[in-house]
C-alpha atoms as a PDB file:
ATOM      1  CA  MET A   1      44.803 -21.431  15.858  1.00  0.00           C
ATOM      2  CA  ALA A   2      41.377 -21.921  17.451  1.00  0.00           C
ATOM      3  CA  ASP A   3      42.700 -20.768  20.840  1.00  0.00           C
ATOM      4  CA  THR A   4      44.012 -17.571  19.276  1.00  0.00           C
ATOM      5  CA  ASP A   5      40.623 -16.870  17.672  1.00  0.00           C
ATOM      6  CA  ASN A   6      38.808 -17.431  20.974  1.00  0.00           C
ATOM      7  CA  ASP A   7      41.294 -15.224  22.849  1.00  0.00           C
ATOM      8  CA  SER A   8      40.881 -12.488  20.258  1.00  0.00           C
ATOM      9  CA  ARG A   9      37.080 -12.700  20.453  1.00  0.00           C
ATOM     10  CA  ALA A  10      37.180 -12.561  24.250  1.00  0.00           C
ATOM     11  CA  ILE A  11      39.406  -9.480  24.179  1.00  0.00           C
ATOM     12  CA  TRP A  12      37.138  -7.704  21.692  1.00  0.00           C
ATOM     13  CA  PHE A  13      34.063  -8.663  23.707  1.00  0.00           C
ATOM     14  CA  LEU A  14      35.572  -7.269  26.926  1.00  0.00           C
ATOM     15  CA  ALA A  15      36.705  -4.122  25.136  1.00  0.00           C
ATOM     16  CA  GLY A  16      33.193  -3.625  23.736  1.00  0.00           C
ATOM     17  CA  ALA A  17      31.624  -4.187  27.147  1.00  0.00           C
ATOM     18  CA  ALA A  18      33.987  -1.643  28.730  1.00  0.00           C
ATOM     19  CA  ILE A  19      33.296   0.923  26.018  1.00  0.00           C
ATOM     20  CA  GLY A  20      29.549   0.345  26.311  1.00  0.00           C
ATOM     21  CA  ALA A  21      29.632   0.751  30.097  1.00  0.00           C
ATOM     22  CA  THR A  22      31.665   3.937  29.786  1.00  0.00           C
ATOM     23  CA  VAL A  23      29.287   5.445  27.232  1.00  0.00           C
ATOM     24  CA  ALA A  24      26.278   4.479  29.360  1.00  0.00           C
ATOM     25  CA  LEU A  25      27.781   6.206  32.406  1.00  0.00           C
ATOM     26  CA  LEU A  26      28.702   9.312  30.423  1.00  0.00           C
ATOM     27  CA  PHE A  27      25.164   9.693  29.090  1.00  0.00           C
ATOM     28  CA  ALA A  28      23.412   8.710  32.313  1.00  0.00           C
ATOM     29  CA  PRO A  29      20.778  11.260  33.346  1.00  0.00           C
ATOM     30  CA  GLN A  30      22.007  11.407  36.958  1.00  0.00           C
ATOM     31  CA  SER A  31      25.219  12.449  38.664  1.00  0.00           C
ATOM     32  CA  GLY A  32      28.124  10.112  39.250  1.00  0.00           C
ATOM     33  CA  GLU A  33      27.351   9.994  42.969  1.00  0.00           C
ATOM     34  CA  GLU A  34      23.752   9.020  42.276  1.00  0.00           C
ATOM     35  CA  THR A  35      24.855   6.438  39.703  1.00  0.00           C
ATOM     36  CA  ARG A  36      27.237   4.873  42.239  1.00  0.00           C
ATOM     37  CA  ARG A  37      24.423   4.784  44.816  1.00  0.00           C
ATOM     38  CA  ILE A  38      22.105   3.074  42.316  1.00  0.00           C
ATOM     39  CA  ILE A  39      24.798   0.529  41.419  1.00  0.00           C
ATOM     40  CA  LYS A  40      25.463  -0.114  45.123  1.00  0.00           C
ATOM     41  CA  ASP A  41      21.738  -0.560  45.839  1.00  0.00           C
ATOM     42  CA  GLN A  42      21.353  -2.981  42.929  1.00  0.00           C
ATOM     43  CA  ALA A  43      24.406  -4.946  44.055  1.00  0.00           C
ATOM     44  CA  ASN A  44      23.034  -5.168  47.599  1.00  0.00           C
ATOM     45  CA  ARG A  45      19.657  -6.359  46.308  1.00  0.00           C
ATOM     46  CA  GLY A  46      21.384  -8.972  44.166  1.00  0.00           C
ATOM     47  CA  LYS A  47      23.471 -10.094  47.142  1.00  0.00           C
ATOM     48  CA  ASP A  48      20.343 -10.385  49.308  1.00  0.00           C
ATOM     49  CA  ARG A  49      18.513 -12.392  46.646  1.00  0.00           C
ATOM     50  CA  LEU A  50      21.494 -14.692  46.207  1.00  0.00           C
ATOM     51  CA  SER A  51      21.755 -15.185  49.957  1.00  0.00           C
ATOM     52  CA  GLU A  52      18.027 -15.937  50.196  1.00  0.00           C
ATOM     53  CA  SER A  53      18.287 -18.401  47.306  1.00  0.00           C
ATOM     54  CA  GLY A  54      21.192 -20.107  49.060  1.00  0.00           C
ATOM     55  CA  ARG A  55      19.176 -20.467  52.263  1.00  0.00           C
ATOM     56  CA  ASP A  56      16.209 -21.829  50.301  1.00  0.00           C
ATOM     57  CA  LEU A  57      18.471 -24.317  48.544  1.00  0.00           C
ATOM     58  CA  ALA A  58      19.999 -25.419  51.859  1.00  0.00           C
ATOM     59  CA  ASP A  59      16.525 -25.881  53.383  1.00  0.00           C
ATOM     60  CA  ARG A  60      15.318 -27.873  50.390  1.00  0.00           C
ATOM     61  CA  SER A  61      18.485 -29.999  50.478  1.00  0.00           C
ATOM     62  CA  ARG A  62      17.903 -30.792  54.151  1.00  0.00           C
ATOM     63  CA  GLU A  63      14.300 -31.758  53.416  1.00  0.00           C
ATOM     64  CA  LEU A  64      15.362 -34.057  50.583  1.00  0.00           C
ATOM     65  CA  TYR A  65      18.107 -35.599  52.734  1.00  0.00           C
ATOM     66  CA  ASP A  66      15.646 -36.264  55.560  1.00  0.00           C
ATOM     67  CA  LYS A  67      13.118 -37.758  53.144  1.00  0.00           C
ATOM     68  CA  GLY A  68      15.794 -39.989  51.597  1.00  0.00           C
ATOM     69  CA  ARG A  69      16.958 -41.036  55.034  1.00  0.00           C
ATOM     70  CA  ARG A  70      13.391 -42.008  56.048  1.00  0.00           C
ATOM     71  CA  ILE A  71      12.941 -44.004  52.843  1.00  0.00           C
ATOM     72  CA  ALA A  72      16.268 -45.797  53.390  1.00  0.00           C
ATOM     73  CA  ASP A  73      15.325 -46.596  56.999  1.00  0.00           C
ATOM     74  CA  GLU A  74      11.935 -47.948  55.897  1.00  0.00           C
ATOM     75  CA  ALA A  75      13.594 -50.052  53.182  1.00  0.00           C
ATOM     76  CA  ALA A  76      16.082 -51.464  55.708  1.00  0.00           C
ATOM     77  CA  GLU A  77      13.226 -52.291  58.082  1.00  0.00           C
ATOM     78  CA  LEU A  78      11.286 -54.027  55.302  1.00  0.00           C
ATOM     79  CA  PHE A  79      14.410 -55.945  54.298  1.00  0.00           C
ATOM     80  CA  ASP A  80      14.979 -57.094  57.885  1.00  0.00           C
ATOM     81  CA  ARG A  81      11.343 -58.101  58.235  1.00  0.00           C
ATOM     82  CA  GLY A  82      11.526 -60.108  54.996  1.00  0.00           C
ATOM     83  CA  LYS A  83      14.764 -61.729  56.105  1.00  0.00           C
ATOM     84  CA  ARG A  84      13.187 -62.793  59.428  1.00  0.00           C
ATOM     85  CA  MET A  85      10.125 -64.161  57.607  1.00  0.00           C
ATOM     86  CA  ALA A  86      12.355 -66.166  55.260  1.00  0.00           C
ATOM     87  CA  GLN A  87      14.340 -67.616  58.160  1.00  0.00           C
ATOM     88  CA  SER A  88      11.263 -68.824  60.077  1.00  0.00           C
END
């Protein structure tokens, strides 16, 4: 029963979104060609921002990995030094 309600709500939501988009395009103050150009430009800007965010995330991940690696190496060195001190 709950699945049916959720499916019904999803269908009505999508139908409303499609109707709203259609009405917005019909009452848009510019031509269809201009509207398509605006949509394309916005999509390209969004793609560029997403790509830039991905590069930033990759850079930050590399930095964190390198920092973690240095900390692990330092900890291993300290452990070895302590082990040698305990053995002598």
